[in-house]
Amino acid sequence: MRRREFIAGLGSVAALGLSAQAQTALPVVGFISARSSADDARYGGAFRKGLGEAGIYGQSVTVEYHWLNGQYDSLPSLMADLVRRHVAVIVTTGGTAALAAKAATVDIPIVFGVNENPVSLGLVASLARPGGNVTGVNVLGQEAVAKQLELLHMLVPKAVRVAVLVNPANAANTETTLRAAPDAARALGLEIQVLKASSIREIDAAFATLVRERADALFVGGDGFLGSRRVQLTLLSVRHGIPTFGQDREAVEAGMLMHYGTNSAYMYREVGVYTGRILKGAKPADLPVIQSTKFDLTINLTTAKALGIDVPPNVLALADEVIE
């Protein structure tokens, strides 16, 4: 990949600091997210809020934001560059990026935010005692998959064939989703059809496939790139009348039917807090992995009405938020 293409593929690189001269003396944090730079206000903002809660502000750190826009193949070169420059902390969201960071360095502190079990991924020795140079936040995405499919079944009981959309470029999360979904689906009498997409064009193609094969509903697996394409996914689901279950609250806000799980902004904020604590001297090995125990159910009633779905009272009663 040419240097110009590599840099363009990483998305925006922004810095917190007073001036270019002041920044040269500041510790550098390399922040990597699979989402697009359009998500900076929400997720970059949540990360910055976490830094502030830990007592780290713009005048004391430089943060380089690398929004991959789903280009996971950029990770090896990006990590090599961050290690070569010996940044103060590497921050990653998603298991694939976290594994790339761990493979690149055993010295630079790494703070992750992942859906997958970090022990099973090999990121940490244990949740209570991570060991090494890696720690972070686990939002229990794998554990939430079964409940998400159960709620889908309750909300759309006539749906039998459920398409599951995953990003094969994000190997860690894809494996986790495809490990959890089949068993949960069988228990509910659902049939799973796996669709894969790593680009805007492939999302269009995946929808064409699920429409042609008459899937009753779509479940979007957790992935930064797919999350950043929530508007595209929403428009396609509305156009084809497919009940679509998003991976975060923001997807339902954009018009998808339902989400159950941890708010993604929460994860970014907690990752920011841990990054700040490490910048102030804490060691990753001494910071236990945070596991989110709060799950929210969000339902978009406007979308339900547009799809002709009557939300059962028992499901509505479970909702933490209803968007109308």
C-alpha atoms as a PDB file:
ATOM      1  CA  MET A   1       0.000   0.000   0.000  1.00  0.00           C
ATOM      2  CA  ARG A   2       1.380   3.428  -0.921  1.00  0.00           C
ATOM      3  CA  ARG A   3       2.119   5.843   1.872  1.00  0.00           C
ATOM      4  CA  ARG A   4      -0.541   8.347   0.688  1.00  0.00           C
ATOM      5  CA  GLU A   5      -3.185   5.602   0.486  1.00  0.00           C
ATOM      6  CA  PHE A   6      -2.205   4.251   3.910  1.00  0.00           C
ATOM      7  CA  ILE A   7      -2.553   7.636   5.558  1.00  0.00           C
ATOM      8  CA  ALA A   8      -5.873   8.326   3.826  1.00  0.00           C
ATOM      9  CA  GLY A   9      -7.199   4.954   4.896  1.00  0.00           C
ATOM     10  CA  LEU A  10      -6.611   5.656   8.546  1.00  0.00           C
ATOM     11  CA  GLY A  11      -9.107   8.505   8.658  1.00  0.00           C
ATOM     12  CA  SER A  12      -8.502  11.670  10.602  1.00  0.00           C
ATOM     13  CA  VAL A  13      -5.605  12.170  12.979  1.00  0.00           C
ATOM     14  CA  ALA A  14      -6.381  14.842  15.549  1.00  0.00           C
ATOM     15  CA  ALA A  15      -4.416  16.112  18.533  1.00  0.00           C
ATOM     16  CA  LEU A  16      -5.205  17.547  21.921  1.00  0.00           C
ATOM     17  CA  GLY A  17      -2.686  20.227  22.804  1.00  0.00           C
ATOM     18  CA  LEU A  18      -1.979  23.927  22.920  1.00  0.00           C
ATOM     19  CA  SER A  19       0.405  24.277  19.970  1.00  0.00           C
ATOM     20  CA  ALA A  20       2.619  22.266  17.663  1.00  0.00           C
ATOM     21  CA  GLN A  21       5.668  23.199  19.753  1.00  0.00           C
ATOM     22  CA  ALA A  22       3.973  22.273  23.010  1.00  0.00           C
ATOM     23  CA  GLN A  23       2.793  18.975  21.569  1.00  0.00           C
ATOM     24  CA  THR A  24       6.329  17.784  20.814  1.00  0.00           C
ATOM     25  CA  ALA A  25       7.049  17.536  24.550  1.00  0.00           C
ATOM     26  CA  LEU A  26       3.761  15.874  25.446  1.00  0.00           C
ATOM     27  CA  PRO A  27       3.124  12.141  25.835  1.00  0.00           C
ATOM     28  CA  VAL A  28       1.392  10.702  22.762  1.00  0.00           C
ATOM     29  CA  VAL A  29      -1.597   8.361  22.871  1.00  0.00           C
ATOM     30  CA  GLY A  30      -2.345   6.341  19.736  1.00  0.00           C
ATOM     31  CA  PHE A  31      -6.125   5.842  19.583  1.00  0.00           C
ATOM     32  CA  ILE A  32      -7.410   3.264  17.066  1.00  0.00           C
ATOM     33  CA  SER A  33     -11.067   2.618  16.247  1.00  0.00           C
ATOM     34  CA  ALA A  34     -12.547   0.631  13.369  1.00  0.00           C
ATOM     35  CA  ARG A  35     -15.299   3.248  13.050  1.00  0.00           C
ATOM     36  CA  SER A  36     -15.189   6.290  10.771  1.00  0.00           C
ATOM     37  CA  SER A  37     -14.118   9.826  11.649  1.00  0.00           C
ATOM     38  CA  ALA A  38     -17.808  10.817  11.529  1.00  0.00           C
ATOM     39  CA  ASP A  39     -18.107   9.083  14.915  1.00  0.00           C
ATOM     40  CA  ASP A  40     -15.506  11.322  16.554  1.00  0.00           C
ATOM     41  CA  ALA A  41     -18.062  13.638  18.166  1.00  0.00           C
ATOM     42  CA  ARG A  42     -19.818  10.774  19.965  1.00  0.00           C
ATOM     43  CA  TYR A  43     -17.103   8.208  20.628  1.00  0.00           C
ATOM     44  CA  GLY A  44     -14.005  10.368  20.512  1.00  0.00           C
ATOM     45  CA  GLY A  45     -15.902  12.752  22.779  1.00  0.00           C
ATOM     46  CA  ALA A  46     -16.676   9.929  25.216  1.00  0.00           C
ATOM     47  CA  PHE A  47     -12.993   8.949  25.272  1.00  0.00           C
ATOM     48  CA  ARG A  48     -11.960  12.546  25.932  1.00  0.00           C
ATOM     49  CA  LYS A  49     -14.530  12.739  28.728  1.00  0.00           C
ATOM     50  CA  GLY A  50     -12.935   9.688  30.326  1.00  0.00           C
ATOM     51  CA  LEU A  51      -9.490  11.258  30.093  1.00  0.00           C
ATOM     52  CA  GLY A  52     -10.860  14.349  31.814  1.00  0.00           C
ATOM     53  CA  GLU A  53     -12.407  12.260  34.601  1.00  0.00           C
ATOM     54  CA  ALA A  54      -8.935  10.819  35.213  1.00  0.00           C
ATOM     55  CA  GLY A  55      -7.465  14.333  35.373  1.00  0.00           C
ATOM     56  CA  ILE A  56      -5.863  14.358  31.913  1.00  0.00           C
ATOM     57  CA  TYR A  57      -6.642  17.360  29.722  1.00  0.00           C
ATOM     58  CA  GLY A  58      -5.565  18.767  26.355  1.00  0.00           C
ATOM     59  CA  GLN A  59      -2.609  20.692  27.671  1.00  0.00           C
ATOM     60  CA  SER A  60      -1.000  17.552  29.092  1.00  0.00           C
ATOM     61  CA  VAL A  61      -1.341  14.971  26.293  1.00  0.00           C
ATOM     62  CA  THR A  62      -1.431  14.570  22.527  1.00  0.00           C
ATOM     63  CA  VAL A  63      -3.996  12.091  21.210  1.00  0.00           C
ATOM     64  CA  GLU A  64      -3.662  10.821  17.643  1.00  0.00           C
ATOM     65  CA  TYR A  65      -7.025   9.540  16.430  1.00  0.00           C
ATOM     66  CA  HIS A  66      -6.871   6.829  13.786  1.00  0.00           C
ATOM     67  CA  TRP A  67     -10.366   6.016  12.464  1.00  0.00           C
ATOM     68  CA  LEU A  68      -9.859   2.912  10.325  1.00  0.00           C
ATOM     69  CA  ASN A  69     -13.241   2.997   8.571  1.00  0.00           C
ATOM     70  CA  GLY A  70     -13.127  -0.799   8.546  1.00  0.00           C
ATOM     71  CA  GLN A  71      -9.654  -1.051   6.990  1.00  0.00           C
ATOM     72  CA  TYR A  72      -8.301  -3.680   9.364  1.00  0.00           C
ATOM     73  CA  ASP A  73      -5.466  -4.489   6.952  1.00  0.00           C
ATOM     74  CA  SER A  74      -3.920  -1.154   7.978  1.00  0.00           C
ATOM     75  CA  LEU A  75      -3.338  -2.397  11.516  1.00  0.00           C
ATOM     76  CA  PRO A  76       0.134  -3.991  11.167  1.00  0.00           C
ATOM     77  CA  SER A  77       1.659  -0.879   9.572  1.00  0.00           C
ATOM     78  CA  LEU A  78      -0.102   1.443  12.003  1.00  0.00           C
ATOM     79  CA  MET A  79       1.008  -0.529  15.059  1.00  0.00           C
ATOM     80  CA  ALA A  80       4.575  -0.718  13.769  1.00  0.00           C
ATOM     81  CA  ASP A  81       4.626   3.066  13.402  1.00  0.00           C
ATOM     82  CA  LEU A  82       3.251   3.656  16.913  1.00  0.00           C
ATOM     83  CA  VAL A  83       5.797   1.240  18.409  1.00  0.00           C
ATOM     84  CA  ARG A  84       8.659   2.783  16.432  1.00  0.00           C
ATOM     85  CA  ARG A  85       7.764   6.195  17.879  1.00  0.00           C
ATOM     86  CA  HIS A  86       7.283   4.643  21.328  1.00  0.00           C
ATOM     87  CA  VAL A  87       3.988   6.350  22.109  1.00  0.00           C
ATOM     88  CA  ALA A  88       2.946   6.506  25.754  1.00  0.00           C
ATOM     89  CA  VAL A  89      -0.232   4.382  25.408  1.00  0.00           C
ATOM     90  CA  ILE A  90      -1.942   2.479  22.592  1.00  0.00           C
ATOM     91  CA  VAL A  91      -5.760   2.520  22.804  1.00  0.00           C
ATOM     92  CA  THR A  92      -7.822   0.071  20.752  1.00  0.00           C
ATOM     93  CA  THR A  93     -11.496  -0.803  20.405  1.00  0.00           C
ATOM     94  CA  GLY A  94     -12.424  -4.250  19.130  1.00  0.00           C
ATOM     95  CA  GLY A  95     -10.666  -7.561  19.609  1.00  0.00           C
ATOM     96  CA  THR A  96      -8.884  -7.594  16.248  1.00  0.00           C
ATOM     97  CA  ALA A  97      -7.171  -4.247  16.884  1.00  0.00           C
ATOM     98  CA  ALA A  98      -6.322  -5.231  20.466  1.00  0.00           C
ATOM     99  CA  LEU A  99      -4.660  -8.451  19.290  1.00  0.00           C
ATOM    100  CA  ALA A 100      -2.686  -6.496  16.671  1.00  0.00           C
ATOM    101  CA  ALA A 101      -1.462  -4.110  19.370  1.00  0.00           C
ATOM    102  CA  LYS A 102      -0.460  -6.941  21.694  1.00  0.00           C
ATOM    103  CA  ALA A 103       1.421  -8.664  18.879  1.00  0.00           C
ATOM    104  CA  ALA A 104       3.309  -5.428  18.176  1.00  0.00           C
ATOM    105  CA  THR A 105       4.647  -4.630  21.665  1.00  0.00           C
ATOM    106  CA  VAL A 106       5.200  -6.059  25.141  1.00  0.00           C
ATOM    107  CA  ASP A 107       6.447  -2.748  26.518  1.00  0.00           C
ATOM    108  CA  ILE A 108       3.987   0.023  25.603  1.00  0.00           C
ATOM    109  CA  PRO A 109       0.803   0.028  27.737  1.00  0.00           C
ATOM    110  CA  ILE A 110      -2.304  -1.048  25.822  1.00  0.00           C
ATOM    111  CA  VAL A 111      -5.889  -0.221  26.819  1.00  0.00           C
ATOM    112  CA  PHE A 112      -8.640  -2.097  24.978  1.00  0.00           C
ATOM    113  CA  GLY A 113     -12.410  -2.017  24.700  1.00  0.00           C
ATOM    114  CA  VAL A 114     -13.776  -5.362  23.457  1.00  0.00           C
ATOM    115  CA  ASN A 115     -17.031  -7.280  23.084  1.00  0.00           C
ATOM    116  CA  GLU A 116     -15.215 -10.597  23.292  1.00  0.00           C
ATOM    117  CA  ASN A 117     -13.888 -12.354  26.392  1.00  0.00           C
ATOM    118  CA  PRO A 118     -10.349 -10.922  26.740  1.00  0.00           C
ATOM    119  CA  VAL A 119      -9.067 -14.049  28.504  1.00  0.00           C
ATOM    120  CA  SER A 120     -10.325 -16.323  25.699  1.00  0.00           C
ATOM    121  CA  LEU A 121      -8.770 -13.974  23.147  1.00  0.00           C
ATOM    122  CA  GLY A 122      -5.424 -14.242  24.900  1.00  0.00           C
ATOM    123  CA  LEU A 123      -5.230 -10.542  25.699  1.00  0.00           C
ATOM    124  CA  VAL A 124      -4.909 -10.974  29.482  1.00  0.00           C
ATOM    125  CA  ALA A 125      -4.055 -13.767  31.904  1.00  0.00           C
ATOM    126  CA  SER A 126      -7.161 -13.111  34.000  1.00  0.00           C
ATOM    127  CA  LEU A 127      -9.726 -10.379  34.530  1.00  0.00           C
ATOM    128  CA  ALA A 128      -8.606  -9.596  38.074  1.00  0.00           C
ATOM    129  CA  ARG A 129      -4.878  -9.765  37.323  1.00  0.00           C
ATOM    130  CA  PRO A 130      -4.304  -8.940  33.664  1.00  0.00           C
ATOM    131  CA  GLY A 131      -0.508  -9.203  33.868  1.00  0.00           C
ATOM    132  CA  GLY A 132       1.792  -7.789  31.229  1.00  0.00           C
ATOM    133  CA  ASN A 133       1.134  -4.494  29.455  1.00  0.00           C
ATOM    134  CA  VAL A 134      -2.559  -4.920  28.551  1.00  0.00           C
ATOM    135  CA  THR A 135      -5.854  -4.117  30.297  1.00  0.00           C
ATOM    136  CA  GLY A 136      -9.187  -2.524  29.442  1.00  0.00           C
ATOM    137  CA  VAL A 137     -12.941  -2.908  29.248  1.00  0.00           C
ATOM    138  CA  ASN A 138     -15.114  -5.898  28.300  1.00  0.00           C
ATOM    139  CA  VAL A 139     -18.767  -5.179  27.449  1.00  0.00           C
ATOM    140  CA  LEU A 140     -19.822  -8.859  27.384  1.00  0.00           C
ATOM    141  CA  GLY A 141     -20.975  -8.851  23.774  1.00  0.00           C
ATOM    142  CA  GLN A 142     -20.811 -12.626  23.486  1.00  0.00           C
ATOM    143  CA  GLU A 143     -23.053 -13.107  26.509  1.00  0.00           C
ATOM    144  CA  ALA A 144     -25.567 -10.616  25.092  1.00  0.00           C
ATOM    145  CA  VAL A 145     -26.056 -12.453  21.764  1.00  0.00           C
ATOM    146  CA  ALA A 146     -28.383 -15.118  23.201  1.00  0.00           C
ATOM    147  CA  LYS A 147     -30.533 -12.506  24.929  1.00  0.00           C
ATOM    148  CA  GLN A 148     -30.649 -10.386  21.769  1.00  0.00           C
ATOM    149  CA  LEU A 149     -31.977 -13.323  19.748  1.00  0.00           C
ATOM    150  CA  GLU A 150     -34.475 -14.132  22.486  1.00  0.00           C
ATOM    151  CA  LEU A 151     -35.778 -10.548  22.407  1.00  0.00           C
ATOM    152  CA  LEU A 152     -35.893 -10.651  18.600  1.00  0.00           C
ATOM    153  CA  HIS A 153     -38.051 -13.769  18.848  1.00  0.00           C
ATOM    154  CA  MET A 154     -40.342 -12.093  21.371  1.00  0.00           C
ATOM    155  CA  LEU A 155     -40.667  -8.916  19.322  1.00  0.00           C
ATOM    156  CA  VAL A 156     -41.116 -10.614  15.936  1.00  0.00           C
ATOM    157  CA  PRO A 157     -42.440 -14.089  16.823  1.00  0.00           C
ATOM    158  CA  LYS A 158     -43.237 -14.962  13.211  1.00  0.00           C
ATOM    159  CA  ALA A 159     -39.604 -14.479  12.175  1.00  0.00           C
ATOM    160  CA  VAL A 160     -37.949 -17.858  11.617  1.00  0.00           C
ATOM    161  CA  ARG A 161     -35.107 -17.199   9.181  1.00  0.00           C
ATOM    162  CA  VAL A 162     -32.687 -14.719  10.721  1.00  0.00           C
ATOM    163  CA  ALA A 163     -29.738 -13.344   8.758  1.00  0.00           C
ATOM    164  CA  VAL A 164     -26.638 -12.553  10.843  1.00  0.00           C
ATOM    165  CA  LEU A 165     -24.372  -9.907   9.309  1.00  0.00           C
ATOM    166  CA  VAL A 166     -20.702  -9.998  10.344  1.00  0.00           C
ATOM    167  CA  ASN A 167     -17.478  -8.391   9.130  1.00  0.00           C
ATOM    168  CA  PRO A 168     -14.959 -11.148   8.242  1.00  0.00           C
ATOM    169  CA  ALA A 169     -12.108  -8.621   8.383  1.00  0.00           C
ATOM    170  CA  ASN A 170     -12.803  -8.371  12.128  1.00  0.00           C
ATOM    171  CA  ALA A 171     -11.926 -11.993  12.799  1.00  0.00           C
ATOM    172  CA  ALA A 172     -12.103 -11.864  16.599  1.00  0.00           C
ATOM    173  CA  ASN A 173     -15.643 -10.542  16.783  1.00  0.00           C
ATOM    174  CA  THR A 174     -16.915 -12.599  13.858  1.00  0.00           C
ATOM    175  CA  GLU A 175     -15.751 -15.813  15.522  1.00  0.00           C
ATOM    176  CA  THR A 176     -17.378 -14.786  18.800  1.00  0.00           C
ATOM    177  CA  THR A 177     -20.717 -13.944  17.172  1.00  0.00           C
ATOM    178  CA  LEU A 178     -20.818 -17.084  15.048  1.00  0.00           C
ATOM    179  CA  ARG A 179     -19.941 -19.204  18.063  1.00  0.00           C
ATOM    180  CA  ALA A 180     -22.748 -17.779  20.206  1.00  0.00           C
ATOM    181  CA  ALA A 181     -25.563 -17.316  17.681  1.00  0.00           C
ATOM    182  CA  PRO A 182     -26.249 -20.886  16.397  1.00  0.00           C
ATOM    183  CA  ASP A 183     -26.833 -22.469  19.826  1.00  0.00           C
ATOM    184  CA  ALA A 184     -29.109 -19.629  20.922  1.00  0.00           C
ATOM    185  CA  ALA A 185     -31.005 -19.786  17.622  1.00  0.00           C
ATOM    186  CA  ARG A 186     -31.587 -23.546  17.836  1.00  0.00           C
ATOM    187  CA  ALA A 187     -33.009 -23.201  21.333  1.00  0.00           C
ATOM    188  CA  LEU A 188     -35.549 -20.707  19.962  1.00  0.00           C
ATOM    189  CA  GLY A 189     -36.376 -22.629  16.792  1.00  0.00           C
ATOM    190  CA  LEU A 190     -34.687 -20.052  14.559  1.00  0.00           C
ATOM    191  CA  GLU A 191     -32.694 -20.685  11.402  1.00  0.00           C
ATOM    192  CA  ILE A 192     -29.461 -18.709  11.006  1.00  0.00           C
ATOM    193  CA  GLN A 193     -28.134 -17.480   7.683  1.00  0.00           C
ATOM    194  CA  VAL A 194     -24.649 -15.920   7.840  1.00  0.00           C
ATOM    195  CA  LEU A 195     -23.895 -12.909   5.633  1.00  0.00           C
ATOM    196  CA  LYS A 196     -20.527 -11.156   5.440  1.00  0.00           C
ATOM    197  CA  ALA A 197     -19.581  -7.592   4.554  1.00  0.00           C
ATOM    198  CA  SER A 198     -16.362  -5.592   4.889  1.00  0.00           C
ATOM    199  CA  SER A 199     -17.236  -2.640   2.654  1.00  0.00           C
ATOM    200  CA  ILE A 200     -20.120  -0.374   1.683  1.00  0.00           C
ATOM    201  CA  ARG A 201     -20.616  -2.308  -1.545  1.00  0.00           C
ATOM    202  CA  GLU A 202     -20.621  -5.643   0.280  1.00  0.00           C
ATOM    203  CA  ILE A 203     -23.323  -4.376   2.659  1.00  0.00           C
ATOM    204  CA  ASP A 204     -25.512  -3.639  -0.374  1.00  0.00           C
ATOM    205  CA  ALA A 205     -24.757  -7.107  -1.743  1.00  0.00           C
ATOM    206  CA  ALA A 206     -25.568  -8.752   1.605  1.00  0.00           C
ATOM    207  CA  PHE A 207     -28.967  -7.040   1.658  1.00  0.00           C
ATOM    208  CA  ALA A 208     -29.654  -8.161  -1.895  1.00  0.00           C
ATOM    209  CA  THR A 209     -28.936 -11.732  -0.775  1.00  0.00           C
ATOM    210  CA  LEU A 210     -31.154 -11.643   2.307  1.00  0.00           C
ATOM    211  CA  VAL A 211     -34.014 -10.106   0.295  1.00  0.00           C
ATOM    212  CA  ARG A 212     -33.628 -12.701  -2.452  1.00  0.00           C
ATOM    213  CA  GLU A 213     -33.543 -15.549   0.064  1.00  0.00           C
ATOM    214  CA  ARG A 214     -36.424 -14.045   2.053  1.00  0.00           C
ATOM    215  CA  ALA A 215     -34.883 -13.665   5.488  1.00  0.00           C
ATOM    216  CA  ASP A 216     -37.437 -12.595   8.094  1.00  0.00           C
ATOM    217  CA  ALA A 217     -35.091 -10.407  10.124  1.00  0.00           C
ATOM    218  CA  LEU A 218     -31.502  -9.174  10.268  1.00  0.00           C
ATOM    219  CA  PHE A 219     -29.162  -9.286  13.256  1.00  0.00           C
ATOM    220  CA  VAL A 220     -26.073  -7.060  12.920  1.00  0.00           C
ATOM    221  CA  GLY A 221     -23.040  -8.468  14.725  1.00  0.00           C
ATOM    222  CA  GLY A 222     -20.801  -6.207  16.782  1.00  0.00           C
ATOM    223  CA  ASP A 223     -18.166  -4.472  14.646  1.00  0.00           C
ATOM    224  CA  GLY A 224     -16.844  -0.919  14.487  1.00  0.00           C
ATOM    225  CA  PHE A 225     -17.177  -0.632  10.714  1.00  0.00           C
ATOM    226  CA  LEU A 226     -20.724  -2.028  10.614  1.00  0.00           C
ATOM    227  CA  GLY A 227     -21.581   0.272  13.507  1.00  0.00           C
ATOM    228  CA  SER A 228     -20.356   3.283  11.546  1.00  0.00           C
ATOM    229  CA  ARG A 229     -22.599   2.221   8.623  1.00  0.00           C
ATOM    230  CA  ARG A 230     -25.781   2.304  10.730  1.00  0.00           C
ATOM    231  CA  VAL A 231     -27.484   4.864   8.464  1.00  0.00           C
ATOM    232  CA  GLN A 232     -26.845   2.768   5.360  1.00  0.00           C
ATOM    233  CA  LEU A 233     -28.096  -0.351   7.134  1.00  0.00           C
ATOM    234  CA  THR A 234     -31.177   1.473   8.393  1.00  0.00           C
ATOM    235  CA  LEU A 235     -32.103   2.814   4.960  1.00  0.00           C
ATOM    236  CA  LEU A 236     -31.763  -0.632   3.416  1.00  0.00           C
ATOM    237  CA  SER A 237     -33.797  -2.284   6.162  1.00  0.00           C
ATOM    238  CA  VAL A 238     -36.604   0.261   5.831  1.00  0.00           C
ATOM    239  CA  ARG A 239     -36.583   0.078   2.031  1.00  0.00           C
ATOM    240  CA  HIS A 240     -36.941  -3.704   2.079  1.00  0.00           C
ATOM    241  CA  GLY A 241     -39.153  -3.946   5.175  1.00  0.00           C
ATOM    242  CA  ILE A 242     -36.640  -6.054   7.120  1.00  0.00           C
ATOM    243  CA  PRO A 243     -36.736  -5.840  10.943  1.00  0.00           C
ATOM    244  CA  THR A 244     -33.110  -5.101  11.799  1.00  0.00           C
ATOM    245  CA  PHE A 245     -31.513  -5.445  15.215  1.00  0.00           C
ATOM    246  CA  GLY A 246     -28.583  -3.102  15.701  1.00  0.00           C
ATOM    247  CA  GLN A 247     -25.414  -3.515  17.699  1.00  0.00           C
ATOM    248  CA  ASP A 248     -25.744  -0.353  19.769  1.00  0.00           C
ATOM    249  CA  ARG A 249     -28.217   2.276  20.917  1.00  0.00           C
ATOM    250  CA  GLU A 250     -27.041   4.667  18.213  1.00  0.00           C
ATOM    251  CA  ALA A 251     -28.205   2.218  15.547  1.00  0.00           C
ATOM    252  CA  VAL A 252     -31.740   2.298  16.984  1.00  0.00           C
ATOM    253  CA  GLU A 253     -31.516   6.072  17.186  1.00  0.00           C
ATOM    254  CA  ALA A 254     -30.750   6.017  13.450  1.00  0.00           C
ATOM    255  CA  GLY A 255     -33.859   3.951  12.773  1.00  0.00           C
ATOM    256  CA  MET A 256     -33.129   0.272  13.384  1.00  0.00           C
ATOM    257  CA  LEU A 257     -35.755  -1.643  15.326  1.00  0.00           C
ATOM    258  CA  MET A 258     -34.050  -2.767  18.522  1.00  0.00           C
ATOM    259  CA  HIS A 259     -30.824  -3.117  20.478  1.00  0.00           C
ATOM    260  CA  TYR A 260     -29.924  -4.901  23.683  1.00  0.00           C
ATOM    261  CA  GLY A 261     -26.508  -4.470  25.272  1.00  0.00           C
ATOM    262  CA  THR A 262     -24.065  -1.980  26.725  1.00  0.00           C
ATOM    263  CA  ASN A 263     -23.945   1.563  25.393  1.00  0.00           C
ATOM    264  CA  SER A 264     -20.830   1.866  23.218  1.00  0.00           C
ATOM    265  CA  ALA A 265     -20.124   5.388  24.485  1.00  0.00           C
ATOM    266  CA  TYR A 266     -19.800   3.909  27.986  1.00  0.00           C
ATOM    267  CA  MET A 267     -16.991   1.652  26.781  1.00  0.00           C
ATOM    268  CA  TYR A 268     -15.108   4.534  25.129  1.00  0.00           C
ATOM    269  CA  ARG A 269     -15.418   6.645  28.266  1.00  0.00           C
ATOM    270  CA  GLU A 270     -14.122   3.878  30.548  1.00  0.00           C
ATOM    271  CA  VAL A 271     -11.251   3.239  28.145  1.00  0.00           C
ATOM    272  CA  GLY A 272     -10.451   6.950  28.443  1.00  0.00           C
ATOM    273  CA  VAL A 273     -10.447   6.729  32.255  1.00  0.00           C
ATOM    274  CA  TYR A 274      -7.997   3.805  32.230  1.00  0.00           C
ATOM    275  CA  THR A 275      -5.789   5.579  29.678  1.00  0.00           C
ATOM    276  CA  GLY A 276      -5.689   8.624  31.937  1.00  0.00           C
ATOM    277  CA  ARG A 277      -4.785   6.537  34.977  1.00  0.00           C
ATOM    278  CA  ILE A 278      -1.911   4.919  33.089  1.00  0.00           C
ATOM    279  CA  LEU A 279      -0.640   8.321  31.931  1.00  0.00           C
ATOM    280  CA  LYS A 280      -0.602   9.309  35.594  1.00  0.00           C
ATOM    281  CA  GLY A 281       1.557   6.328  36.516  1.00  0.00           C
ATOM    282  CA  ALA A 282      -0.673   3.280  36.971  1.00  0.00           C
ATOM    283  CA  LYS A 283       0.519  -0.044  35.514  1.00  0.00           C
ATOM    284  CA  PRO A 284      -1.803  -2.051  33.212  1.00  0.00           C
ATOM    285  CA  ALA A 285      -0.989  -5.218  35.165  1.00  0.00           C
ATOM    286  CA  ASP A 286      -2.449  -3.609  38.302  1.00  0.00           C
ATOM    287  CA  LEU A 287      -5.719  -2.468  36.674  1.00  0.00           C
ATOM    288  CA  PRO A 288      -8.330  -5.267  36.567  1.00  0.00           C
ATOM    289  CA  VAL A 289     -10.390  -5.604  33.408  1.00  0.00           C
ATOM    290  CA  ILE A 290     -13.684  -3.727  33.778  1.00  0.00           C
ATOM    291  CA  GLN A 291     -16.750  -5.780  32.879  1.00  0.00           C
ATOM    292  CA  SER A 292     -19.968  -3.935  32.157  1.00  0.00           C
ATOM    293  CA  THR A 293     -22.901  -5.422  34.033  1.00  0.00           C
ATOM    294  CA  LYS A 294     -25.504  -2.908  32.842  1.00  0.00           C
ATOM    295  CA  PHE A 295     -27.468  -3.831  29.727  1.00  0.00           C
ATOM    296  CA  ASP A 296     -30.126  -1.645  28.143  1.00  0.00           C
ATOM    297  CA  LEU A 297     -32.982  -2.530  25.801  1.00  0.00           C
ATOM    298  CA  THR A 298     -33.836   0.200  23.291  1.00  0.00           C
ATOM    299  CA  ILE A 299     -36.799  -0.048  20.893  1.00  0.00           C
ATOM    300  CA  ASN A 300     -37.700   2.297  18.052  1.00  0.00           C
ATOM    301  CA  LEU A 301     -41.509   2.433  18.039  1.00  0.00           C
ATOM    302  CA  THR A 302     -41.607   4.579  14.903  1.00  0.00           C
ATOM    303  CA  THR A 303     -39.735   1.882  12.998  1.00  0.00           C
ATOM    304  CA  ALA A 304     -41.948  -0.831  14.488  1.00  0.00           C
ATOM    305  CA  LYS A 305     -45.055   0.964  13.242  1.00  0.00           C
ATOM    306  CA  ALA A 306     -43.530   1.472   9.791  1.00  0.00           C
ATOM    307  CA  LEU A 307     -42.839  -2.269   9.603  1.00  0.00           C
ATOM    308  CA  GLY A 308     -46.331  -3.156  10.843  1.00  0.00           C
ATOM    309  CA  ILE A 309     -45.000  -4.660  14.078  1.00  0.00           C
ATOM    310  CA  ASP A 310     -47.107  -4.458  17.221  1.00  0.00           C
ATOM    311  CA  VAL A 311     -44.648  -4.449  20.104  1.00  0.00           C
ATOM    312  CA  PRO A 312     -45.972  -6.892  22.743  1.00  0.00           C
ATOM    313  CA  PRO A 313     -46.682  -5.247  26.116  1.00  0.00           C
ATOM    314  CA  ASN A 314     -44.301  -7.642  27.897  1.00  0.00           C
ATOM    315  CA  VAL A 315     -41.431  -6.567  25.608  1.00  0.00           C
ATOM    316  CA  LEU A 316     -42.329  -2.893  25.925  1.00  0.00           C
ATOM    317  CA  ALA A 317     -42.257  -3.258  29.706  1.00  0.00           C
ATOM    318  CA  LEU A 318     -38.659  -4.528  29.505  1.00  0.00           C
ATOM    319  CA  ALA A 319     -37.455  -1.527  27.472  1.00  0.00           C
ATOM    320  CA  ASP A 320     -35.125   0.962  29.168  1.00  0.00           C
ATOM    321  CA  GLU A 321     -35.734   3.446  26.358  1.00  0.00           C
ATOM    322  CA  VAL A 322     -38.411   3.795  23.703  1.00  0.00           C
ATOM    323  CA  ILE A 323     -37.719   6.024  20.717  1.00  0.00           C
ATOM    324  CA  GLU A 324     -40.836   7.559  19.142  1.00  0.00           C
END
